[in-house]
C-alpha atoms as a PDB file:
ATOM      1  CA  MET A   1     -27.028 -84.649 100.568  1.00  0.00           C
ATOM      2  CA  ASN A   2     -29.472 -86.150  98.027  1.00  0.00           C
ATOM      3  CA  SER A   3     -31.921 -88.682  99.727  1.00  0.00           C
ATOM      4  CA  LEU A   4     -31.777 -90.640  96.715  1.00  0.00           C
ATOM      5  CA  LEU A   5     -28.278 -91.727  97.534  1.00  0.00           C
ATOM      6  CA  LEU A   6     -29.490 -93.411 100.619  1.00  0.00           C
ATOM      7  CA  ASN A   7     -31.586 -95.958  98.428  1.00  0.00           C
ATOM      8  CA  THR A   8     -30.526 -99.534  99.111  1.00  0.00           C
ATOM      9  CA  ASP A   9     -29.716-100.500  95.442  1.00  0.00           C
ATOM     10  CA  ILE A  10     -27.855 -97.187  94.816  1.00  0.00           C
ATOM     11  CA  ALA A  11     -25.778 -97.478  98.000  1.00  0.00           C
ATOM     12  CA  ILE A  12     -25.005-101.147  97.058  1.00  0.00           C
ATOM     13  CA  PHE A  13     -23.903-100.213  93.449  1.00  0.00           C
ATOM     14  CA  LEU A  14     -21.888 -97.232  94.399  1.00  0.00           C
ATOM     15  CA  LEU A  15     -20.260 -99.201  97.367  1.00  0.00           C
ATOM     16  CA  GLY A  16     -19.243-102.104  95.071  1.00  0.00           C
ATOM     17  CA  GLU A  17     -18.196 -99.539  92.575  1.00  0.00           C
ATOM     18  CA  PHE A  18     -15.783 -97.851  94.995  1.00  0.00           C
ATOM     19  CA  ILE A  19     -14.538-101.049  96.518  1.00  0.00           C
ATOM     20  CA  LEU A  20     -13.351-102.305  93.042  1.00  0.00           C
ATOM     21  CA  TRP A  21     -11.802 -99.070  92.528  1.00  0.00           C
ATOM     22  CA  VAL A  22      -9.765 -99.216  95.420  1.00  0.00           C
ATOM     23  CA  VAL A  23      -8.654-102.857  94.607  1.00  0.00           C
ATOM     24  CA  LEU A  24      -7.733-101.600  91.320  1.00  0.00           C
ATOM     25  CA  LEU A  25      -5.971 -98.491  92.528  1.00  0.00           C
ATOM     26  CA  ILE A  26      -3.447-100.745  94.420  1.00  0.00           C
ATOM     27  CA  ALA A  27      -3.218-102.854  91.425  1.00  0.00           C
ATOM     28  CA  PHE A  28      -2.520 -99.593  89.292  1.00  0.00           C
ATOM     29  CA  GLY A  29       0.370 -98.605  91.723  1.00  0.00           C
ATOM     30  CA  VAL A  30       1.878-101.877  91.575  1.00  0.00           C
ATOM     31  CA  ASN A  31       1.521-101.972  87.752  1.00  0.00           C
ATOM     32  CA  LEU A  32       3.520 -98.616  87.488  1.00  0.00           C
ATOM     33  CA  TYR A  33       6.283-100.272  89.678  1.00  0.00           C
ATOM     34  CA  LEU A  34       6.290-103.375  87.473  1.00  0.00           C
ATOM     35  CA  LEU A  35       6.455-101.391  84.260  1.00  0.00           C
ATOM     36  CA  LYS A  36       9.543 -99.463  85.737  1.00  0.00           C
ATOM     37  CA  LYS A  37      11.360-102.559  86.864  1.00  0.00           C
ATOM     38  CA  TRP A  38      10.353-105.121  84.362  1.00  0.00           C
ATOM     39  CA  ASP A  39      13.131-106.987  82.321  1.00  0.00           C
ATOM     40  CA  PHE A  40      12.245-110.304  81.196  1.00  0.00           C
ATOM     41  CA  HIS A  41      15.776-111.031  79.992  1.00  0.00           C
ATOM     42  CA  SER A  42      17.221-110.527  83.524  1.00  0.00           C
ATOM     43  CA  TYR A  43      17.810-113.558  85.623  1.00  0.00           C
ATOM     44  CA  THR A  44      18.104-111.625  89.116  1.00  0.00           C
ATOM     45  CA  ASN A  45      16.136-112.489  92.317  1.00  0.00           C
ATOM     46  CA  LEU A  46      14.289-109.232  91.794  1.00  0.00           C
ATOM     47  CA  GLN A  47      12.853-110.164  88.445  1.00  0.00           C
ATOM     48  CA  TYR A  48      11.658-113.471  89.834  1.00  0.00           C
ATOM     49  CA  ARG A  49       9.802-111.807  92.509  1.00  0.00           C
ATOM     50  CA  ILE A  50       8.568-109.093  90.176  1.00  0.00           C
ATOM     51  CA  GLU A  51       7.045-111.913  87.811  1.00  0.00           C
ATOM     52  CA  LYS A  52       5.413-113.491  90.874  1.00  0.00           C
ATOM     53  CA  LEU A  53       3.829-110.118  91.873  1.00  0.00           C
ATOM     54  CA  ALA A  54       2.895-109.628  88.131  1.00  0.00           C
ATOM     55  CA  TYR A  55       0.782-112.930  88.253  1.00  0.00           C
ATOM     56  CA  LEU A  56      -0.777-111.714  91.518  1.00  0.00           C
ATOM     57  CA  ILE A  57      -1.701-108.625  90.164  1.00  0.00           C
ATOM     58  CA  MET A  58      -3.082-110.210  86.970  1.00  0.00           C
ATOM     59  CA  VAL A  59      -5.485-112.391  89.235  1.00  0.00           C
ATOM     60  CA  ILE A  60      -6.630-109.253  90.953  1.00  0.00           C
ATOM     61  CA  ILE A  61      -7.268-107.311  87.791  1.00  0.00           C
ATOM     62  CA  ILE A  62      -8.914-110.265  86.170  1.00  0.00           C
ATOM     63  CA  PHE A  63     -11.245-110.745  88.963  1.00  0.00           C
ATOM     64  CA  SER A  64     -12.055-106.913  89.230  1.00  0.00           C
ATOM     65  CA  PHE A  65     -12.980-106.827  85.635  1.00  0.00           C
ATOM     66  CA  LEU A  66     -15.339-109.626  85.998  1.00  0.00           C
ATOM     67  CA  MET A  67     -17.017-107.833  88.454  1.00  0.00           C
ATOM     68  CA  LYS A  68     -17.306-104.784  86.111  1.00  0.00           C
ATOM     69  CA  PHE A  69     -19.214-107.065  83.528  1.00  0.00           C
ATOM     70  CA  ILE A  70     -21.735-107.908  86.609  1.00  0.00           C
ATOM     71  CA  LEU A  71     -22.076-104.421  87.770  1.00  0.00           C
ATOM     72  CA  LEU A  72     -23.246-102.902  84.221  1.00  0.00           C
ATOM     73  CA  PRO A  73     -26.614-104.834  84.358  1.00  0.00           C
ATOM     74  CA  TYR A  74     -26.759-104.107  87.944  1.00  0.00           C
ATOM     75  CA  PHE A  75     -26.472-100.357  87.048  1.00  0.00           C
ATOM     76  CA  VAL A  76     -29.298-100.821  84.577  1.00  0.00           C
ATOM     77  CA  PHE A  77     -31.356-102.667  87.085  1.00  0.00           C
ATOM     78  CA  THR A  78     -30.915-100.072  89.864  1.00  0.00           C
ATOM     79  CA  MET A  79     -31.993 -97.149  87.492  1.00  0.00           C
ATOM     80  CA  ASP A  80     -35.078 -99.515  86.617  1.00  0.00           C
ATOM     81  CA  LYS A  81     -35.862 -99.859  90.301  1.00  0.00           C
ATOM     82  CA  ILE A  82     -35.612 -95.952  91.125  1.00  0.00           C
ATOM     83  CA  SER A  83     -37.728 -95.241  88.142  1.00  0.00           C
ATOM     84  CA  ASP A  84     -40.717 -96.349  90.513  1.00  0.00           C
ATOM     85  CA  ILE A  85     -40.186 -93.571  92.951  1.00  0.00           C
ATOM     86  CA  VAL A  86     -38.987 -90.797  90.475  1.00  0.00           C
ATOM     87  CA  PRO A  87     -42.218 -88.867  89.005  1.00  0.00           C
ATOM     88  CA  GLY A  88     -42.684 -89.459  85.366  1.00  0.00           C
ATOM     89  CA  ALA A  89     -40.101 -92.147  84.732  1.00  0.00           C
ATOM     90  CA  MET A  90     -41.575 -95.279  83.571  1.00  0.00           C
ATOM     91  CA  CYS A  91     -38.381 -97.098  83.064  1.00  0.00           C
ATOM     92  CA  SER A  92     -34.516 -96.634  82.976  1.00  0.00           C
ATOM     93  CA  ALA A  93     -35.011 -94.295  79.860  1.00  0.00           C
ATOM     94  CA  GLY A  94     -36.188 -91.664  82.108  1.00  0.00           C
ATOM     95  CA  VAL A  95     -33.771 -92.012  84.827  1.00  0.00           C
ATOM     96  CA  ILE A  96     -30.852 -92.118  82.320  1.00  0.00           C
ATOM     97  CA  SER A  97     -31.874 -89.168  80.390  1.00  0.00           C
ATOM     98  CA  PHE A  98     -32.488 -86.941  83.506  1.00  0.00           C
ATOM     99  CA  ASN A  99     -29.106 -84.952  83.563  1.00  0.00           C
ATOM    100  CA  ALA A 100     -26.061 -84.632  81.340  1.00  0.00           C
ATOM    101  CA  TYR A 101     -24.200 -87.424  83.229  1.00  0.00           C
ATOM    102  CA  GLY A 102     -26.614 -90.173  82.280  1.00  0.00           C
ATOM    103  CA  MET A 103     -25.796 -91.204  78.593  1.00  0.00           C
ATOM    104  CA  LYS A 104     -22.223 -90.102  79.066  1.00  0.00           C
ATOM    105  CA  LEU A 105     -21.903 -92.704  81.804  1.00  0.00           C
ATOM    106  CA  PHE A 106     -23.591 -95.448  79.776  1.00  0.00           C
ATOM    107  CA  PHE A 107     -21.008 -94.836  76.988  1.00  0.00           C
ATOM    108  CA  ILE A 108     -18.060 -94.754  79.126  1.00  0.00           C
ATOM    109  CA  LYS A 109     -19.255 -98.086  80.844  1.00  0.00           C
ATOM    110  CA  MET A 110     -19.583 -99.520  77.480  1.00  0.00           C
ATOM    111  CA  ALA A 111     -16.044 -98.231  76.380  1.00  0.00           C
ATOM    112  CA  ILE A 112     -14.762 -99.669  79.602  1.00  0.00           C
ATOM    113  CA  LEU A 113     -16.129-103.176  79.035  1.00  0.00           C
ATOM    114  CA  LEU A 114     -14.764-103.404  75.527  1.00  0.00           C
ATOM    115  CA  LEU A 115     -11.409-102.310  76.654  1.00  0.00           C
ATOM    116  CA  LEU A 116     -11.529-104.872  79.300  1.00  0.00           C
ATOM    117  CA  MET A 117     -12.162-107.551  76.741  1.00  0.00           C
ATOM    118  CA  ILE A 118      -9.329-106.551  74.778  1.00  0.00           C
ATOM    119  CA  TRP A 119      -7.094-106.380  77.812  1.00  0.00           C
ATOM    120  CA  LEU A 120      -8.180-109.998  78.842  1.00  0.00           C
ATOM    121  CA  MET A 121      -7.461-111.263  75.247  1.00  0.00           C
ATOM    122  CA  ILE A 122      -3.935-109.674  75.271  1.00  0.00           C
ATOM    123  CA  ASN A 123      -3.363-111.044  78.558  1.00  0.00           C
ATOM    124  CA  HIS A 124      -4.360-114.647  77.380  1.00  0.00           C
ATOM    125  CA  TYR A 125      -2.042-114.566  74.466  1.00  0.00           C
ATOM    126  CA  ASP A 126       0.771-113.009  76.522  1.00  0.00           C
ATOM    127  CA  ILE A 127       0.554-115.591  79.177  1.00  0.00           C
ATOM    128  CA  GLU A 128       0.427-118.095  76.400  1.00  0.00           C
ATOM    129  CA  ALA A 129       3.493-117.105  74.728  1.00  0.00           C
ATOM    130  CA  LYS A 130       5.604-117.739  77.831  1.00  0.00           C
ATOM    131  CA  VAL A 131       7.913-115.047  77.114  1.00  0.00           C
ATOM    132  CA  TYR A 132       5.270-112.185  77.970  1.00  0.00           C
ATOM    133  CA  PRO A 133       5.772-110.297  74.524  1.00  0.00           C
ATOM    134  CA  TRP A 134       2.755-107.982  75.312  1.00  0.00           C
ATOM    135  CA  PHE A 135       3.486-107.500  79.013  1.00  0.00           C
ATOM    136  CA  ARG A 136       4.067-103.656  78.546  1.00  0.00           C
ATOM    137  CA  ALA A 137       1.083-103.327  76.020  1.00  0.00           C
ATOM    138  CA  LYS A 138      -1.268-104.655  78.320  1.00  0.00           C
ATOM    139  CA  SER A 139       0.108-102.787  81.424  1.00  0.00           C
ATOM    140  CA  TRP A 140      -0.168 -99.404  79.469  1.00  0.00           C
ATOM    141  CA  LEU A 141      -3.748-100.534  78.479  1.00  0.00           C
ATOM    142  CA  PHE A 142      -4.569-101.143  81.982  1.00  0.00           C
ATOM    143  CA  VAL A 143      -3.293 -97.556  83.057  1.00  0.00           C
ATOM    144  CA  PHE A 144      -5.711 -96.188  80.373  1.00  0.00           C
ATOM    145  CA  ILE A 145      -8.638 -98.433  81.545  1.00  0.00           C
ATOM    146  CA  PHE A 146      -7.904 -97.245  85.252  1.00  0.00           C
ATOM    147  CA  ILE A 147      -8.079 -93.519  84.214  1.00  0.00           C
ATOM    148  CA  LEU A 148     -11.524 -94.289  82.534  1.00  0.00           C
ATOM    149  CA  ILE A 149     -12.849 -96.210  85.758  1.00  0.00           C
ATOM    150  CA  THR A 150     -11.562 -93.327  87.842  1.00  0.00           C
ATOM    151  CA  ILE A 151     -13.675 -90.973  85.670  1.00  0.00           C
ATOM    152  CA  GLU A 152     -16.578 -93.431  85.565  1.00  0.00           C
ATOM    153  CA  LEU A 153     -16.778 -93.475  89.235  1.00  0.00           C
ATOM    154  CA  TYR A 154     -16.853 -89.844  89.731  1.00  0.00           C
ATOM    155  CA  TRP A 155     -19.602 -89.842  87.022  1.00  0.00           C
ATOM    156  CA  ASP A 156     -21.685 -92.723  88.982  1.00  0.00           C
ATOM    157  CA  TYR A 157     -21.862 -90.414  92.155  1.00  0.00           C
ATOM    158  CA  ALA A 158     -22.503 -87.303  90.334  1.00  0.00           C
ATOM    159  CA  PHE A 159     -25.127 -88.948  88.108  1.00  0.00           C
ATOM    160  CA  PHE A 160     -27.402 -90.093  91.015  1.00  0.00           C
ATOM    161  CA  ALA A 161     -26.652 -87.254  93.361  1.00  0.00           C
ATOM    162  CA  ASP A 162     -28.061 -84.832  90.547  1.00  0.00           C
ATOM    163  CA  ILE A 163     -31.187 -86.671  90.327  1.00  0.00           C
ATOM    164  CA  ASP A 164     -34.232 -84.641  91.844  1.00  0.00           C
ATOM    165  CA  ILE A 165     -36.869 -86.921  93.044  1.00  0.00           C
ATOM    166  CA  HIS A 166     -39.374 -83.943  93.048  1.00  0.00           C
ATOM    167  CA  LYS A 167     -38.939 -83.024  89.472  1.00  0.00           C
ATOM    168  CA  VAL A 168     -41.041 -84.877  86.718  1.00  0.00           C
ATOM    169  CA  LEU A 169     -38.819 -86.799  84.274  1.00  0.00           C
ATOM    170  CA  ASN A 170     -39.523 -87.668  80.606  1.00  0.00           C
ATOM    171  CA  CYS A 171     -40.934 -91.169  80.075  1.00  0.00           C
ATOM    172  CA  CYS A 172     -39.701 -93.225  77.129  1.00  0.00           C
ATOM    173  CA  SER A 173     -42.715 -92.599  74.949  1.00  0.00           C
ATOM    174  CA  THR A 174     -41.557 -88.758  75.045  1.00  0.00           C
ATOM    175  CA  LEU A 175     -38.107 -89.683  74.304  1.00  0.00           C
ATOM    176  CA  TYR A 176     -38.396 -92.396  71.617  1.00  0.00           C
ATOM    177  CA  GLY A 177     -41.970 -91.832  70.407  1.00  0.00           C
ATOM    178  CA  LEU A 178     -43.019 -91.552  66.801  1.00  0.00           C
ATOM    179  CA  LEU A 179     -44.682 -88.312  65.429  1.00  0.00           C
ATOM    180  CA  GLU A 180     -46.448 -87.776  62.174  1.00  0.00           C
ATOM    181  CA  GLY A 181     -43.843 -86.887  59.343  1.00  0.00           C
ATOM    182  CA  VAL A 182     -40.836 -87.476  61.597  1.00  0.00           C
ATOM    183  CA  ASN A 183     -38.476 -90.499  60.564  1.00  0.00           C
ATOM    184  CA  PRO A 184     -36.314 -91.616  63.290  1.00  0.00           C
ATOM    185  CA  LEU A 185     -34.561 -94.395  61.469  1.00  0.00           C
ATOM    186  CA  PRO A 186     -31.007 -93.734  60.255  1.00  0.00           C
ATOM    187  CA  PHE A 187     -29.805 -92.931  56.568  1.00  0.00           C
ATOM    188  CA  GLY A 188     -33.652 -92.141  55.855  1.00  0.00           C
ATOM    189  CA  LEU A 189     -34.432 -95.937  55.571  1.00  0.00           C
ATOM    190  CA  ASP A 190     -37.939 -97.163  56.297  1.00  0.00           C
ATOM    191  CA  LYS A 191     -38.727-100.023  58.455  1.00  0.00           C
ATOM    192  CA  ARG A 192     -39.029-102.670  55.614  1.00  0.00           C
ATOM    193  CA  GLU A 193     -35.724-101.388  54.236  1.00  0.00           C
ATOM    194  CA  ILE A 194     -33.934-101.641  57.707  1.00  0.00           C
ATOM    195  CA  ILE A 195     -35.114-105.069  58.521  1.00  0.00           C
ATOM    196  CA  ILE A 196     -33.796-106.127  54.962  1.00  0.00           C
ATOM    197  CA  LEU A 197     -30.419-104.786  55.908  1.00  0.00           C
ATOM    198  CA  PHE A 198     -30.818-106.161  59.444  1.00  0.00           C
ATOM    199  CA  TYR A 199     -30.751-109.911  58.029  1.00  0.00           C
ATOM    200  CA  MET A 200     -28.157-108.936  55.072  1.00  0.00           C
ATOM    201  CA  ILE A 201     -25.695-107.615  57.449  1.00  0.00           C
ATOM    202  CA  TYR A 202     -26.120-110.438  59.868  1.00  0.00           C
ATOM    203  CA  ALA A 203     -25.514-112.836  56.947  1.00  0.00           C
ATOM    204  CA  MET A 204     -22.530-110.780  55.807  1.00  0.00           C
ATOM    205  CA  ILE A 205     -20.890-111.029  59.377  1.00  0.00           C
ATOM    206  CA  ILE A 206     -21.349-115.016  59.280  1.00  0.00           C
ATOM    207  CA  SER A 207     -20.039-115.320  55.619  1.00  0.00           C
ATOM    208  CA  SER A 208     -17.161-112.933  56.210  1.00  0.00           C
ATOM    209  CA  THR A 209     -16.196-114.964  59.518  1.00  0.00           C
ATOM    210  CA  PHE A 210     -16.097-118.283  58.011  1.00  0.00           C
ATOM    211  CA  GLY A 211     -14.483-116.677  54.658  1.00  0.00           C
ATOM    212  CA  LYS A 212     -11.697-115.089  57.031  1.00  0.00           C
ATOM    213  CA  GLN A 213     -12.402-111.764  55.590  1.00  0.00           C
ATOM    214  CA  ASN A 214     -11.673-109.605  58.549  1.00  0.00           C
ATOM    215  CA  TYR A 215     -12.078-106.152  56.895  1.00  0.00           C
ATOM    216  CA  ILE A 216     -15.381-106.976  55.691  1.00  0.00           C
ATOM    217  CA  LEU A 217     -16.348-108.325  59.054  1.00  0.00           C
ATOM    218  CA  LEU A 218     -15.362-105.053  60.543  1.00  0.00           C
ATOM    219  CA  ILE A 219     -17.470-103.246  58.308  1.00  0.00           C
ATOM    220  CA  GLY A 220     -20.181-105.449  58.999  1.00  0.00           C
ATOM    221  CA  LEU A 221     -19.816-104.907  62.669  1.00  0.00           C
ATOM    222  CA  ILE A 222     -19.739-101.092  62.533  1.00  0.00           C
ATOM    223  CA  LEU A 223     -22.873-101.255  60.200  1.00  0.00           C
ATOM    224  CA  PHE A 224     -24.681-103.671  62.600  1.00  0.00           C
ATOM    225  CA  ILE A 225     -24.369-101.274  65.511  1.00  0.00           C
ATOM    226  CA  PRO A 226     -26.759 -98.632  64.244  1.00  0.00           C
ATOM    227  CA  ILE A 227     -28.859-101.133  62.204  1.00  0.00           C
ATOM    228  CA  GLY A 228     -29.392-103.718  64.911  1.00  0.00           C
ATOM    229  CA  TYR A 229     -30.221-100.877  67.483  1.00  0.00           C
ATOM    230  CA  TYR A 230     -32.818 -98.948  65.364  1.00  0.00           C
ATOM    231  CA  SER A 231     -34.284-102.286  64.155  1.00  0.00           C
ATOM    232  CA  VAL A 232     -35.018-103.455  67.834  1.00  0.00           C
ATOM    233  CA  LEU A 233     -36.028-100.019  69.022  1.00  0.00           C
ATOM    234  CA  TYR A 234     -38.452 -99.402  66.107  1.00  0.00           C
ATOM    235  CA  PHE A 235     -39.468-102.853  65.020  1.00  0.00           C
ATOM    236  CA  PHE A 236     -38.538-105.864  67.044  1.00  0.00           C
ATOM    237  CA  GLY A 237     -39.076-104.162  70.073  1.00  0.00           C
ATOM    238  CA  THR A 238     -42.767-103.376  69.402  1.00  0.00           C
ATOM    239  CA  TYR A 239     -43.362-107.127  69.199  1.00  0.00           C
ATOM    240  CA  ILE A 240     -41.733-107.775  72.348  1.00  0.00           C
ATOM    241  CA  TYR A 241     -44.404-105.190  73.915  1.00  0.00           C
ATOM    242  CA  GLU A 242     -46.949-106.046  71.443  1.00  0.00           C
ATOM    243  CA  MET A 243     -47.688-102.439  71.045  1.00  0.00           C
ATOM    244  CA  PRO A 244     -46.945-100.808  67.761  1.00  0.00           C
ATOM    245  CA  ASN A 245     -46.262 -97.280  69.060  1.00  0.00           C
ATOM    246  CA  HIS A 246     -44.062 -98.310  72.166  1.00  0.00           C
ATOM    247  CA  ASN A 247     -40.368 -98.030  71.195  1.00  0.00           C
ATOM    248  CA  CYS A 248     -38.207 -98.147  74.034  1.00  0.00           C
ATOM    249  CA  PRO A 249     -34.888-100.184  74.429  1.00  0.00           C
ATOM    250  CA  PHE A 250     -35.038-100.082  78.312  1.00  0.00           C
ATOM    251  CA  CYS A 251     -38.805-101.388  78.998  1.00  0.00           C
ATOM    252  CA  MET A 252     -37.859-104.833  77.810  1.00  0.00           C
ATOM    253  CA  LEU A 253     -35.538-105.146  80.644  1.00  0.00           C
ATOM    254  CA  GLN A 254     -38.449-105.206  83.224  1.00  0.00           C
ATOM    255  CA  LYS A 255     -40.223-108.003  84.800  1.00  0.00           C
ATOM    256  CA  ASP A 256     -43.194-107.525  82.886  1.00  0.00           C
ATOM    257  CA  TYR A 257     -41.379-108.605  79.777  1.00  0.00           C
ATOM    258  CA  TYR A 258     -39.498-111.376  81.681  1.00  0.00           C
ATOM    259  CA  TYR A 259     -36.183-109.516  81.495  1.00  0.00           C
ATOM    260  CA  ILE A 260     -35.770-110.586  77.841  1.00  0.00           C
ATOM    261  CA  GLY A 261     -33.879-107.141  77.148  1.00  0.00           C
ATOM    262  CA  TYR A 262     -30.788-108.447  79.203  1.00  0.00           C
ATOM    263  CA  PRO A 263     -30.025-111.535  76.880  1.00  0.00           C
ATOM    264  CA  LEU A 264     -31.102-109.424  73.958  1.00  0.00           C
ATOM    265  CA  TRP A 265     -28.909-106.457  74.441  1.00  0.00           C
ATOM    266  CA  GLY A 266     -26.217-108.746  76.220  1.00  0.00           C
ATOM    267  CA  SER A 267     -25.921-110.899  73.084  1.00  0.00           C
ATOM    268  CA  PHE A 268     -25.949-107.902  70.749  1.00  0.00           C
ATOM    269  CA  PHE A 269     -23.310-106.085  72.458  1.00  0.00           C
ATOM    270  CA  GLY A 270     -21.425-109.240  73.203  1.00  0.00           C
ATOM    271  CA  GLY A 271     -21.200-110.139  69.604  1.00  0.00           C
ATOM    272  CA  VAL A 272     -19.983-106.751  68.812  1.00  0.00           C
ATOM    273  CA  PHE A 273     -17.431-106.801  71.536  1.00  0.00           C
ATOM    274  CA  LEU A 274     -16.017-110.212  70.550  1.00  0.00           C
ATOM    275  CA  GLY A 275     -16.003-109.387  66.975  1.00  0.00           C
ATOM    276  CA  ILE A 276     -13.692-106.247  67.556  1.00  0.00           C
ATOM    277  CA  THR A 277     -11.527-108.272  69.844  1.00  0.00           C
ATOM    278  CA  ALA A 278     -11.215-111.170  67.380  1.00  0.00           C
ATOM    279  CA  ILE A 279     -10.124-108.942  64.640  1.00  0.00           C
ATOM    280  CA  LEU A 280      -7.592-107.133  66.792  1.00  0.00           C
ATOM    281  CA  ALA A 281      -6.268-110.466  67.947  1.00  0.00           C
ATOM    282  CA  GLU A 282      -5.603-111.517  64.283  1.00  0.00           C
ATOM    283  CA  GLU A 283      -4.590-108.351  62.827  1.00  0.00           C
ATOM    284  CA  ARG A 284      -2.393-106.777  65.455  1.00  0.00           C
ATOM    285  CA  LEU A 285      -1.289-109.765  67.541  1.00  0.00           C
ATOM    286  CA  LYS A 286      -1.205-111.953  64.544  1.00  0.00           C
ATOM    287  CA  LYS A 287      -2.887-114.817  66.690  1.00  0.00           C
ATOM    288  CA  ASP A 288      -5.751-117.249  65.658  1.00  0.00           C
ATOM    289  CA  SER A 289      -8.929-115.878  67.075  1.00  0.00           C
ATOM    290  CA  LYS A 290     -11.115-118.925  66.048  1.00  0.00           C
ATOM    291  CA  ARG A 291     -12.816-119.483  69.281  1.00  0.00           C
ATOM    292  CA  LEU A 292     -13.620-115.730  69.715  1.00  0.00           C
ATOM    293  CA  LYS A 293     -15.092-115.533  66.287  1.00  0.00           C
ATOM    294  CA  TYR A 294     -17.450-118.630  67.057  1.00  0.00           C
ATOM    295  CA  LEU A 295     -18.447-117.086  70.140  1.00  0.00           C
ATOM    296  CA  MET A 296     -19.465-113.962  68.308  1.00  0.00           C
ATOM    297  CA  VAL A 297     -21.348-115.863  65.733  1.00  0.00           C
ATOM    298  CA  LEU A 298     -23.231-117.712  68.587  1.00  0.00           C
ATOM    299  CA  SER A 299     -23.779-114.300  70.445  1.00  0.00           C
ATOM    300  CA  PHE A 300     -25.224-112.476  67.318  1.00  0.00           C
ATOM    301  CA  THR A 301     -27.345-115.770  66.352  1.00  0.00           C
ATOM    302  CA  ILE A 302     -29.002-115.750  69.939  1.00  0.00           C
ATOM    303  CA  PHE A 303     -29.718-111.926  69.103  1.00  0.00           C
ATOM    304  CA  VAL A 304     -31.241-112.428  65.775  1.00  0.00           C
ATOM    305  CA  THR A 305     -33.241-115.554  67.048  1.00  0.00           C
ATOM    306  CA  ILE A 306     -34.764-113.679  70.038  1.00  0.00           C
ATOM    307  CA  CYS A 307     -35.678-110.682  67.542  1.00  0.00           C
ATOM    308  CA  THR A 308     -37.150-112.913  64.948  1.00  0.00           C
ATOM    309  CA  PHE A 309     -39.014-115.227  67.696  1.00  0.00           C
ATOM    310  CA  PHE A 310     -41.222-112.276  69.107  1.00  0.00           C
ATOM    311  CA  VAL A 311     -42.290-111.438  65.422  1.00  0.00           C
ATOM    312  CA  LEU A 312     -43.150-114.862  64.628  1.00  0.00           C
ATOM    313  CA  HIS A 313     -44.941-115.707  67.643  1.00  0.00           C
ATOM    314  CA  TYR A 314     -46.953-112.437  67.472  1.00  0.00           C
ATOM    315  CA  TYR A 315     -47.878-113.572  63.806  1.00  0.00           C
ATOM    316  CA  TYR A 316     -48.677-117.002  64.947  1.00  0.00           C
ATOM    317  CA  LYS A 317     -50.930-115.915  67.768  1.00  0.00           C
ATOM    318  CA  ASN A 318     -52.703-113.083  65.945  1.00  0.00           C
ATOM    319  CA  GLY A 319     -52.340-113.898  62.340  1.00  0.00           C
ATOM    320  CA  VAL A 320     -51.344-110.495  61.488  1.00  0.00           C
ATOM    321  CA  PHE A 321     -48.386-108.061  61.741  1.00  0.00           C
ATOM    322  CA  LEU A 322     -48.359-104.941  63.935  1.00  0.00           C
ATOM    323  CA  GLU A 323     -48.983-101.824  62.315  1.00  0.00           C
ATOM    324  CA  PRO A 324     -48.163 -98.429  63.820  1.00  0.00           C
ATOM    325  CA  VAL A 325     -50.811 -95.888  65.040  1.00  0.00           C
ATOM    326  CA  LYS A 326     -50.093 -92.450  63.414  1.00  0.00           C
ATOM    327  CA  VAL A 327     -49.576 -89.952  66.138  1.00  0.00           C
ATOM    328  CA  GLU A 328     -49.994 -86.179  64.972  1.00  0.00           C
ATOM    329  CA  MET A 329     -48.157 -83.326  66.796  1.00  0.00           C
ATOM    330  CA  VAL A 330     -50.100 -80.938  68.715  1.00  0.00           C
ATOM    331  CA  MET A 331     -48.905 -77.288  68.114  1.00  0.00           C
END
């Protein structure tokens, strides 16, 4: 057995994930029973008991889902902690890129969180409607989510078990560093163009939200995912580090930078997830999602404010903007 699995932080994380999986496994079995027996138009004692059981299972699922939202930042925190004992890794970037499970695990965790938010939204409107019109839809969605969580649990174990603490990992400067003549930005953009797009798309999201243009809002969200990510990685992040060539999405999660990466990335992905959930609520469930949209606007505003603050703070303190140092590739 890999000795890394005996690390306290990893053991706590894996144990927490396993306990939640066991709880959700019980809920999964009961959920299948409810799907088979559910008949809201029946007035039998069995239906009455099933409705009470459904409410109990719903509470268990909500609690478990909320714990999943807590475990994601703890997962990143755990990777950051073990980067201190793995040669070559300076932050979570080196750890998560060590094997084939790392990035797959990160993306499946993000997908699960998005689906959990959608489930919570459907569940809210289902209970509000009193006659449970979306009971089967949310139940089948839970079945799919549980399958993903089962895959995630296996990948969690496989990811940590496959890390060799005697092998030198890549650091973030190797993974995200800039080389002379190489443009890492999407669509062939330069930094000036991507920052202009950053603020334009943010304005597009705000205006389409208050203008009630859901399809334009969806386009804005889709565009903001890569533009927002690359803007932080290759422009705003350098002002957080106050180093022109330090390009890493993970180092800002460390204590040295006051853990600013957690509210920054949390508000970014939170805004994306809230926006998608709000659009689905209005377009598929035909429900008003004004509250979700306001939360999305607040989340994105926090994200943009944090990004902008570090640029203005650096300029106020130094009187100049950062200029990247050219790095030549050694052949």
